Amino acid sequence: MLTADRVIALLGLAPLPEEGGFFARTHRLADPGGPSTTPDARPLATAIYYLITPEAFSALHRLPGDEIFHFYLGDPVEQLRLGQGGAGTIVTIGPDLAAGQRPQAVVPGGVWQGTCLVPGGPHGYALLGTTMTPGFTDADYEGGQRDALIAAYPAYREWIVTLTRQE
């Protein structure tokens, strides 16, 4: 059985500092007709590998554009999504279709999102991929602040505490 450390080594994943987890950029499509093809220019599309463990979860954050998640292997994950007016939902991304899990999920732009492993899985990690179009830039990332999110979404307090780091 593959371990998290082995997957990290095989795919050349690196720590993702603010969000948590491990990643490797696998695709960046520049706009050949755009004003700039520098690394800071907005790409047309981006894709990454993304691995989480019980300790290295995806902290609550939001992005301006839609993000498509793809499940590859390991344990299923639970993803908290917080939208407008205090509304929230939990989506399970994984391979067990009969249990309601889905191998692909779309997080709409502007929605707070955070992801952790479903407890008790045999692997101790999940390997996912994400795709964005237009593509991701570092300036897009907005990290969630625990106290502000709890004030806006009090019904999800426990989830927010789980999916944020101490400020």
N, C-alpha and C. Protein backbone atom coordinates (compact mmCIF):
# COMPACT_ATOMS: atom_id res chain seq x y z
N MET A 1 0.84 -1.19 0.00
CA MET A 1 0.00 0.00 0.00
C MET A 1 0.89 1.25 0.00
N LEU A 2 0.55 2.20 -0.83
CA LEU A 2 1.28 3.47 -0.86
C LEU A 2 1.03 4.26 0.41
N THR A 3 2.08 4.88 0.93
CA THR A 3 1.95 5.78 2.07
C THR A 3 1.93 7.22 1.57
N ALA A 4 1.53 8.13 2.43
CA ALA A 4 1.55 9.55 2.07
C ALA A 4 2.96 9.99 1.69
N ASP A 5 3.95 9.59 2.47
CA ASP A 5 5.33 9.97 2.18
C ASP A 5 5.79 9.45 0.82
N ARG A 6 5.37 8.25 0.48
CA ARG A 6 5.77 7.67 -0.82
C ARG A 6 5.11 8.43 -1.96
N VAL A 7 3.82 8.77 -1.83
CA VAL A 7 3.12 9.54 -2.87
C VAL A 7 3.77 10.92 -3.02
N ILE A 8 4.09 11.56 -1.90
CA ILE A 8 4.75 12.87 -1.93
C ILE A 8 6.06 12.78 -2.71
N ALA A 9 6.84 11.73 -2.43
CA ALA A 9 8.13 11.56 -3.11
C ALA A 9 7.94 11.24 -4.59
N LEU A 10 7.03 10.33 -4.91
CA LEU A 10 6.83 9.92 -6.30
C LEU A 10 6.35 11.06 -7.20
N LEU A 11 5.51 11.94 -6.63
CA LEU A 11 4.95 13.04 -7.42
C LEU A 11 5.69 14.36 -7.22
N GLY A 12 6.70 14.36 -6.37
CA GLY A 12 7.46 15.59 -6.14
C GLY A 12 6.64 16.68 -5.49
N LEU A 13 5.78 16.31 -4.55
CA LEU A 13 4.92 17.30 -3.90
C LEU A 13 5.70 18.10 -2.87
N ALA A 14 5.32 19.36 -2.71
CA ALA A 14 5.94 20.26 -1.74
C ALA A 14 4.87 20.80 -0.80
N PRO A 15 5.26 21.20 0.41
CA PRO A 15 4.27 21.79 1.33
C PRO A 15 3.64 23.04 0.73
N LEU A 16 2.35 23.20 1.00
CA LEU A 16 1.61 24.39 0.58
C LEU A 16 1.44 25.25 1.83
N PRO A 17 2.28 26.29 2.00
CA PRO A 17 2.42 26.98 3.29
C PRO A 17 1.13 27.53 3.91
N GLU A 18 0.40 28.39 3.26
CA GLU A 18 -0.76 29.00 3.90
C GLU A 18 -1.93 28.04 4.04
N GLU A 19 -2.24 27.35 2.98
CA GLU A 19 -3.42 26.49 2.96
C GLU A 19 -3.21 25.19 3.73
N GLY A 20 -2.03 24.61 3.61
CA GLY A 20 -1.75 23.31 4.20
C GLY A 20 -1.80 22.23 3.13
N GLY A 21 -1.31 21.06 3.46
CA GLY A 21 -1.25 19.98 2.50
C GLY A 21 0.01 20.07 1.67
N PHE A 22 0.05 19.26 0.62
CA PHE A 22 1.21 19.17 -0.27
C PHE A 22 0.72 19.26 -1.71
N PHE A 23 1.50 19.90 -2.58
CA PHE A 23 1.02 20.08 -3.95
C PHE A 23 2.18 20.08 -4.95
N ALA A 24 1.79 19.91 -6.20
CA ALA A 24 2.70 20.12 -7.33
C ALA A 24 1.86 20.65 -8.48
N ARG A 25 2.31 21.73 -9.07
CA ARG A 25 1.63 22.27 -10.25
C ARG A 25 1.91 21.34 -11.43
N THR A 26 0.86 20.91 -12.10
CA THR A 26 1.02 19.97 -13.21
C THR A 26 0.72 20.60 -14.56
N HIS A 27 0.05 21.75 -14.54
CA HIS A 27 -0.30 22.39 -15.82
C HIS A 27 -0.56 23.87 -15.59
N ARG A 28 -0.06 24.69 -16.50
CA ARG A 28 -0.32 26.13 -16.50
C ARG A 28 -0.41 26.55 -17.95
N LEU A 29 -1.60 26.92 -18.39
CA LEU A 29 -1.81 27.32 -19.77
C LEU A 29 -1.81 28.84 -19.86
N ALA A 30 -0.76 29.39 -20.45
CA ALA A 30 -0.65 30.83 -20.61
C ALA A 30 -1.54 31.28 -21.77
N ASP A 31 -1.90 32.53 -21.76
CA ASP A 31 -2.71 33.11 -22.83
C ASP A 31 -1.76 33.66 -23.88
N PRO A 32 -1.58 32.94 -25.00
CA PRO A 32 -0.62 33.41 -26.00
C PRO A 32 -1.00 34.74 -26.63
N GLY A 33 -2.27 35.09 -26.60
CA GLY A 33 -2.70 36.37 -27.17
C GLY A 33 -2.81 37.47 -26.15
N GLY A 34 -2.52 37.14 -24.90
CA GLY A 34 -2.67 38.10 -23.81
C GLY A 34 -1.55 39.11 -23.77
N PRO A 35 -1.68 40.10 -22.87
CA PRO A 35 -0.69 41.17 -22.79
C PRO A 35 0.66 40.70 -22.25
N SER A 36 0.67 39.57 -21.55
CA SER A 36 1.92 39.13 -20.95
C SER A 36 1.89 37.63 -20.74
N THR A 37 3.00 37.00 -20.94
CA THR A 37 3.11 35.58 -20.63
C THR A 37 4.11 35.36 -19.49
N THR A 38 4.30 36.37 -18.67
CA THR A 38 5.18 36.25 -17.51
C THR A 38 4.53 35.33 -16.48
N PRO A 39 5.33 34.80 -15.56
CA PRO A 39 4.77 33.89 -14.54
C PRO A 39 3.66 34.50 -13.69
N ASP A 40 3.62 35.84 -13.56
CA ASP A 40 2.59 36.48 -12.75
C ASP A 40 1.31 36.78 -13.53
N ALA A 41 1.33 36.61 -14.84
CA ALA A 41 0.14 36.89 -15.64
C ALA A 41 -0.93 35.84 -15.37
N ARG A 42 -2.19 36.23 -15.53
CA ARG A 42 -3.30 35.31 -15.32
C ARG A 42 -3.26 34.21 -16.38
N PRO A 43 -3.08 32.95 -15.99
CA PRO A 43 -3.12 31.87 -16.98
C PRO A 43 -4.56 31.55 -17.37
N LEU A 44 -4.73 30.94 -18.52
CA LEU A 44 -6.06 30.51 -18.94
C LEU A 44 -6.57 29.36 -18.08
N ALA A 45 -5.68 28.47 -17.67
CA ALA A 45 -6.06 27.33 -16.84
C ALA A 45 -4.86 26.87 -16.04
N THR A 46 -5.13 26.25 -14.88
CA THR A 46 -4.09 25.64 -14.08
C THR A 46 -4.61 24.33 -13.51
N ALA A 47 -3.68 23.43 -13.20
CA ALA A 47 -4.03 22.16 -12.55
C ALA A 47 -2.91 21.80 -11.59
N ILE A 48 -3.30 21.15 -10.47
CA ILE A 48 -2.32 20.70 -9.49
C ILE A 48 -2.70 19.31 -8.98
N TYR A 49 -1.69 18.60 -8.44
CA TYR A 49 -1.91 17.48 -7.53
C TYR A 49 -2.01 18.11 -6.15
N TYR A 50 -2.84 17.52 -5.28
CA TYR A 50 -2.99 18.05 -3.93
C TYR A 50 -3.21 16.89 -2.97
N LEU A 51 -2.37 16.79 -1.95
CA LEU A 51 -2.45 15.70 -0.99
C LEU A 51 -2.67 16.27 0.40
N ILE A 52 -3.62 15.67 1.14
CA ILE A 52 -3.83 16.05 2.53
C ILE A 52 -3.69 14.81 3.41
N THR A 53 -3.33 15.07 4.66
CA THR A 53 -3.22 14.06 5.70
C THR A 53 -4.04 14.55 6.89
N PRO A 54 -4.16 13.74 7.96
CA PRO A 54 -4.90 14.25 9.13
C PRO A 54 -4.30 15.54 9.69
N GLU A 55 -2.98 15.69 9.63
CA GLU A 55 -2.32 16.88 10.17
C GLU A 55 -2.25 18.02 9.15
N ALA A 56 -2.24 17.69 7.88
CA ALA A 56 -2.05 18.67 6.81
C ALA A 56 -3.34 18.80 6.00
N PHE A 57 -4.32 19.47 6.59
CA PHE A 57 -5.62 19.67 5.96
C PHE A 57 -5.60 20.94 5.12
N SER A 58 -6.65 21.13 4.34
CA SER A 58 -6.82 22.36 3.55
C SER A 58 -7.59 23.36 4.40
N ALA A 59 -6.90 24.42 4.85
CA ALA A 59 -7.53 25.44 5.69
C ALA A 59 -8.57 26.22 4.89
N LEU A 60 -9.57 26.72 5.60
CA LEU A 60 -10.62 27.51 4.95
C LEU A 60 -10.02 28.69 4.20
N HIS A 61 -10.45 28.81 2.96
CA HIS A 61 -10.00 29.89 2.08
C HIS A 61 -11.04 30.07 0.99
N ARG A 62 -10.88 31.13 0.24
CA ARG A 62 -11.74 31.30 -0.94
C ARG A 62 -10.93 31.84 -2.09
N LEU A 63 -11.46 31.53 -3.27
CA LEU A 63 -10.84 31.93 -4.53
C LEU A 63 -11.89 32.63 -5.37
N PRO A 64 -11.49 33.51 -6.28
CA PRO A 64 -12.49 34.24 -7.07
C PRO A 64 -13.17 33.40 -8.15
N GLY A 65 -12.52 32.33 -8.61
CA GLY A 65 -13.09 31.52 -9.68
C GLY A 65 -13.43 30.12 -9.22
N ASP A 66 -14.18 29.41 -10.06
CA ASP A 66 -14.55 28.03 -9.76
C ASP A 66 -13.30 27.15 -9.69
N GLU A 67 -13.34 26.18 -8.77
CA GLU A 67 -12.26 25.20 -8.63
C GLU A 67 -12.88 23.81 -8.70
N ILE A 68 -12.37 22.99 -9.60
CA ILE A 68 -12.86 21.63 -9.77
C ILE A 68 -11.91 20.68 -9.05
N PHE A 69 -12.46 19.87 -8.14
CA PHE A 69 -11.69 18.87 -7.42
C PHE A 69 -11.88 17.51 -8.06
N HIS A 70 -10.80 16.73 -8.13
CA HIS A 70 -10.81 15.38 -8.68
C HIS A 70 -10.20 14.45 -7.63
N PHE A 71 -10.88 13.36 -7.32
CA PHE A 71 -10.36 12.38 -6.37
C PHE A 71 -9.53 11.35 -7.13
N TYR A 72 -8.30 11.08 -6.64
CA TYR A 72 -7.43 10.09 -7.29
C TYR A 72 -7.27 8.82 -6.45
N LEU A 73 -6.81 8.96 -5.20
CA LEU A 73 -6.64 7.76 -4.39
C LEU A 73 -6.53 8.12 -2.92
N GLY A 74 -6.61 7.09 -2.07
CA GLY A 74 -6.54 7.29 -0.63
C GLY A 74 -7.92 7.28 -0.02
N ASP A 75 -8.07 8.01 1.07
CA ASP A 75 -9.32 8.07 1.82
C ASP A 75 -10.21 9.21 1.30
N PRO A 76 -11.52 9.08 1.46
CA PRO A 76 -12.40 10.19 1.07
C PRO A 76 -12.16 11.41 1.95
N VAL A 77 -12.59 12.56 1.44
CA VAL A 77 -12.45 13.81 2.18
C VAL A 77 -13.81 14.47 2.34
N GLU A 78 -13.92 15.27 3.39
CA GLU A 78 -15.10 16.10 3.60
C GLU A 78 -14.70 17.54 3.35
N GLN A 79 -15.53 18.23 2.58
CA GLN A 79 -15.24 19.61 2.22
C GLN A 79 -16.37 20.49 2.73
N LEU A 80 -16.02 21.43 3.60
CA LEU A 80 -16.97 22.42 4.08
C LEU A 80 -16.99 23.57 3.10
N ARG A 81 -18.20 23.98 2.73
CA ARG A 81 -18.38 25.15 1.85
C ARG A 81 -19.31 26.13 2.54
N LEU A 82 -18.88 27.37 2.63
CA LEU A 82 -19.66 28.42 3.27
C LEU A 82 -19.96 29.50 2.24
N GLY A 83 -21.27 29.72 2.01
CA GLY A 83 -21.70 30.67 0.99
C GLY A 83 -22.30 31.92 1.60
N GLN A 84 -23.20 32.51 0.87
CA GLN A 84 -23.84 33.76 1.26
C GLN A 84 -24.83 33.57 2.40
N GLY A 85 -24.97 34.58 3.24
CA GLY A 85 -26.01 34.62 4.25
C GLY A 85 -25.94 33.53 5.31
N GLY A 86 -24.75 33.05 5.62
CA GLY A 86 -24.60 32.05 6.66
C GLY A 86 -24.87 30.62 6.22
N ALA A 87 -25.14 30.43 4.92
CA ALA A 87 -25.42 29.09 4.41
C ALA A 87 -24.15 28.28 4.27
N GLY A 88 -24.26 26.98 4.50
CA GLY A 88 -23.12 26.10 4.36
C GLY A 88 -23.55 24.70 3.97
N THR A 89 -22.60 23.94 3.51
CA THR A 89 -22.85 22.54 3.15
C THR A 89 -21.55 21.77 3.28
N ILE A 90 -21.69 20.46 3.44
CA ILE A 90 -20.54 19.57 3.49
C ILE A 90 -20.68 18.57 2.36
N VAL A 91 -19.64 18.47 1.55
CA VAL A 91 -19.61 17.58 0.39
C VAL A 91 -18.53 16.54 0.65
N THR A 92 -18.82 15.27 0.35
CA THR A 92 -17.82 14.22 0.49
C THR A 92 -17.30 13.84 -0.89
N ILE A 93 -15.99 13.96 -1.05
CA ILE A 93 -15.32 13.65 -2.31
C ILE A 93 -14.57 12.34 -2.10
N GLY A 94 -14.89 11.35 -2.92
CA GLY A 94 -14.26 10.05 -2.77
C GLY A 94 -14.82 9.06 -3.78
N PRO A 95 -14.43 7.78 -3.65
CA PRO A 95 -14.75 6.79 -4.66
C PRO A 95 -16.05 6.02 -4.45
N ASP A 96 -16.67 6.11 -3.26
CA ASP A 96 -17.83 5.27 -2.96
C ASP A 96 -19.13 5.96 -3.41
N LEU A 97 -19.46 5.77 -4.68
CA LEU A 97 -20.63 6.43 -5.26
C LEU A 97 -21.91 6.03 -4.54
N ALA A 98 -22.04 4.76 -4.17
CA ALA A 98 -23.26 4.27 -3.50
C ALA A 98 -23.47 4.95 -2.16
N ALA A 99 -22.39 5.41 -1.51
CA ALA A 99 -22.50 6.09 -0.23
C ALA A 99 -22.69 7.60 -0.40
N GLY A 100 -22.85 8.06 -1.63
CA GLY A 100 -23.06 9.48 -1.88
C GLY A 100 -21.79 10.27 -2.14
N GLN A 101 -20.64 9.61 -2.12
CA GLN A 101 -19.40 10.30 -2.44
C GLN A 101 -19.33 10.55 -3.94
N ARG A 102 -18.60 11.56 -4.32
CA ARG A 102 -18.41 11.86 -5.73
C ARG A 102 -16.93 12.03 -6.02
N PRO A 103 -16.45 11.52 -7.16
CA PRO A 103 -15.03 11.63 -7.49
C PRO A 103 -14.66 13.00 -8.05
N GLN A 104 -15.66 13.84 -8.29
CA GLN A 104 -15.40 15.18 -8.82
C GLN A 104 -16.40 16.13 -8.17
N ALA A 105 -15.95 17.32 -7.82
CA ALA A 105 -16.82 18.31 -7.20
C ALA A 105 -16.34 19.70 -7.60
N VAL A 106 -17.29 20.60 -7.79
CA VAL A 106 -16.97 21.97 -8.19
C VAL A 106 -17.31 22.92 -7.04
N VAL A 107 -16.32 23.71 -6.64
CA VAL A 107 -16.53 24.76 -5.65
C VAL A 107 -16.68 26.07 -6.42
N PRO A 108 -17.85 26.70 -6.34
CA PRO A 108 -18.04 27.97 -7.04
C PRO A 108 -17.11 29.06 -6.50
N GLY A 109 -16.71 29.96 -7.37
CA GLY A 109 -15.90 31.09 -6.96
C GLY A 109 -16.58 31.89 -5.87
N GLY A 110 -15.80 32.43 -4.92
CA GLY A 110 -16.33 33.25 -3.85
C GLY A 110 -16.85 32.48 -2.65
N VAL A 111 -16.84 31.16 -2.70
CA VAL A 111 -17.32 30.32 -1.59
C VAL A 111 -16.13 29.94 -0.72
N TRP A 112 -16.29 30.10 0.60
CA TRP A 112 -15.25 29.63 1.51
C TRP A 112 -15.21 28.11 1.45
N GLN A 113 -14.01 27.54 1.43
CA GLN A 113 -13.86 26.09 1.36
C GLN A 113 -12.70 25.63 2.22
N GLY A 114 -12.88 24.47 2.83
CA GLY A 114 -11.82 23.82 3.59
C GLY A 114 -12.07 22.33 3.53
N THR A 115 -11.00 21.53 3.55
CA THR A 115 -11.14 20.10 3.32
C THR A 115 -10.27 19.31 4.30
N CYS A 116 -10.84 18.21 4.81
CA CYS A 116 -10.09 17.32 5.68
C CYS A 116 -10.47 15.87 5.36
N LEU A 117 -9.64 14.96 5.82
CA LEU A 117 -9.92 13.54 5.62
C LEU A 117 -11.13 13.11 6.41
N VAL A 118 -11.90 12.18 5.86
CA VAL A 118 -12.93 11.51 6.65
C VAL A 118 -12.18 10.67 7.69
N PRO A 119 -12.53 10.79 8.97
CA PRO A 119 -11.79 10.06 10.00
C PRO A 119 -11.88 8.54 9.82
N GLY A 120 -10.79 7.86 10.22
CA GLY A 120 -10.81 6.41 10.28
C GLY A 120 -10.46 5.67 9.01
N GLY A 121 -10.04 6.38 7.98
CA GLY A 121 -9.69 5.71 6.73
C GLY A 121 -8.41 4.91 6.86
N PRO A 122 -8.25 3.88 6.04
CA PRO A 122 -7.08 3.00 6.15
C PRO A 122 -5.78 3.58 5.59
N HIS A 123 -5.86 4.62 4.75
CA HIS A 123 -4.68 5.13 4.07
C HIS A 123 -3.97 6.25 4.83
N GLY A 124 -4.73 7.12 5.48
CA GLY A 124 -4.14 8.25 6.18
C GLY A 124 -3.78 9.41 5.28
N TYR A 125 -4.33 9.43 4.08
CA TYR A 125 -4.11 10.55 3.16
C TYR A 125 -5.15 10.48 2.05
N ALA A 126 -5.27 11.57 1.32
CA ALA A 126 -6.07 11.60 0.09
C ALA A 126 -5.26 12.36 -0.95
N LEU A 127 -5.20 11.79 -2.14
CA LEU A 127 -4.58 12.48 -3.27
C LEU A 127 -5.71 12.98 -4.17
N LEU A 128 -5.75 14.28 -4.33
CA LEU A 128 -6.74 14.96 -5.14
C LEU A 128 -6.03 15.71 -6.25
N GLY A 129 -6.79 16.25 -7.15
CA GLY A 129 -6.30 17.20 -8.12
C GLY A 129 -7.29 18.34 -8.16
N THR A 130 -6.82 19.53 -8.52
CA THR A 130 -7.75 20.63 -8.77
C THR A 130 -7.40 21.28 -10.10
N THR A 131 -8.44 21.78 -10.74
CA THR A 131 -8.32 22.48 -12.01
C THR A 131 -9.08 23.79 -11.90
N MET A 132 -8.48 24.85 -12.41
CA MET A 132 -9.17 26.15 -12.43
C MET A 132 -9.03 26.77 -13.81
N THR A 133 -10.12 27.39 -14.24
CA THR A 133 -10.11 28.18 -15.47
C THR A 133 -11.06 29.36 -15.29
N PRO A 134 -10.63 30.60 -15.37
CA PRO A 134 -9.23 30.98 -15.58
C PRO A 134 -8.36 30.44 -14.46
N GLY A 135 -7.08 30.39 -14.74
CA GLY A 135 -6.15 29.75 -13.83
C GLY A 135 -5.88 30.52 -12.55
N PHE A 136 -5.31 29.81 -11.61
CA PHE A 136 -4.98 30.33 -10.29
C PHE A 136 -3.71 31.19 -10.34
N THR A 137 -3.72 32.27 -9.57
CA THR A 137 -2.50 33.02 -9.27
C THR A 137 -2.43 33.17 -7.75
N ASP A 138 -1.24 33.36 -7.22
CA ASP A 138 -1.07 33.49 -5.77
C ASP A 138 -1.91 34.61 -5.18
N ALA A 139 -2.12 35.68 -5.94
CA ALA A 139 -2.91 36.81 -5.45
C ALA A 139 -4.38 36.45 -5.25
N ASP A 140 -4.84 35.35 -5.84
CA ASP A 140 -6.23 34.93 -5.71
C ASP A 140 -6.57 34.41 -4.32
N TYR A 141 -5.59 33.86 -3.62
CA TYR A 141 -5.83 33.16 -2.36
C TYR A 141 -6.20 34.12 -1.24
N GLU A 142 -7.33 33.87 -0.59
CA GLU A 142 -7.75 34.63 0.59
C GLU A 142 -7.98 33.64 1.73
N GLY A 143 -7.11 33.67 2.72
CA GLY A 143 -7.22 32.77 3.86
C GLY A 143 -8.33 33.21 4.81
N GLY A 144 -9.02 32.25 5.39
CA GLY A 144 -10.11 32.53 6.32
C GLY A 144 -9.61 32.81 7.72
N GLN A 145 -10.20 33.77 8.38
CA GLN A 145 -9.88 34.11 9.76
C GLN A 145 -10.94 33.47 10.67
N ARG A 146 -10.48 32.66 11.61
CA ARG A 146 -11.38 31.86 12.46
C ARG A 146 -12.50 32.69 13.09
N ASP A 147 -12.17 33.76 13.81
CA ASP A 147 -13.19 34.52 14.53
C ASP A 147 -14.22 35.14 13.60
N ALA A 148 -13.76 35.68 12.48
CA ALA A 148 -14.69 36.31 11.53
C ALA A 148 -15.61 35.26 10.90
N LEU A 149 -15.07 34.09 10.58
CA LEU A 149 -15.90 33.04 9.99
C LEU A 149 -16.91 32.50 11.00
N ILE A 150 -16.52 32.33 12.25
CA ILE A 150 -17.45 31.87 13.27
C ILE A 150 -18.57 32.88 13.46
N ALA A 151 -18.24 34.18 13.44
CA ALA A 151 -19.27 35.21 13.58
C ALA A 151 -20.25 35.18 12.41
N ALA A 152 -19.76 34.91 11.21
CA ALA A 152 -20.62 34.90 10.03
C ALA A 152 -21.37 33.58 9.85
N TYR A 153 -20.80 32.48 10.37
CA TYR A 153 -21.37 31.14 10.18
C TYR A 153 -21.40 30.39 11.50
N PRO A 154 -22.16 30.87 12.51
CA PRO A 154 -22.11 30.25 13.84
C PRO A 154 -22.55 28.78 13.85
N ALA A 155 -23.40 28.38 12.94
CA ALA A 155 -23.86 26.98 12.89
C ALA A 155 -22.73 26.02 12.52
N TYR A 156 -21.64 26.53 11.97
CA TYR A 156 -20.52 25.70 11.53
C TYR A 156 -19.27 25.90 12.38
N ARG A 157 -19.48 26.36 13.62
CA ARG A 157 -18.37 26.68 14.51
C ARG A 157 -17.36 25.53 14.61
N GLU A 158 -17.81 24.32 14.92
CA GLU A 158 -16.89 23.20 15.10
C GLU A 158 -16.08 22.92 13.84
N TRP A 159 -16.75 22.97 12.70
CA TRP A 159 -16.04 22.76 11.43
C TRP A 159 -15.01 23.86 11.19
N ILE A 160 -15.39 25.10 11.48
CA ILE A 160 -14.47 26.23 11.27
C ILE A 160 -13.24 26.09 12.15
N VAL A 161 -13.43 25.69 13.40
CA VAL A 161 -12.28 25.49 14.30
C VAL A 161 -11.39 24.38 13.76
N THR A 162 -11.98 23.31 13.25
CA THR A 162 -11.21 22.20 12.69
C THR A 162 -10.43 22.62 11.45
N LEU A 163 -11.01 23.51 10.65
CA LEU A 163 -10.42 23.85 9.34
C LEU A 163 -9.72 25.22 9.31
N THR A 164 -9.36 25.73 10.47
CA THR A 164 -8.53 26.93 10.53
C THR A 164 -7.37 26.66 11.48
N ARG A 165 -6.33 27.41 11.30
CA ARG A 165 -5.18 27.30 12.20
C ARG A 165 -5.24 28.43 13.21
N GLN A 166 -4.64 28.20 14.34
CA GLN A 166 -4.67 29.20 15.40
C GLN A 166 -4.10 30.52 14.89
N GLU A 167 -4.78 31.61 15.13
CA GLU A 167 -4.35 32.93 14.64
C GLU A 167 -3.38 33.57 15.58
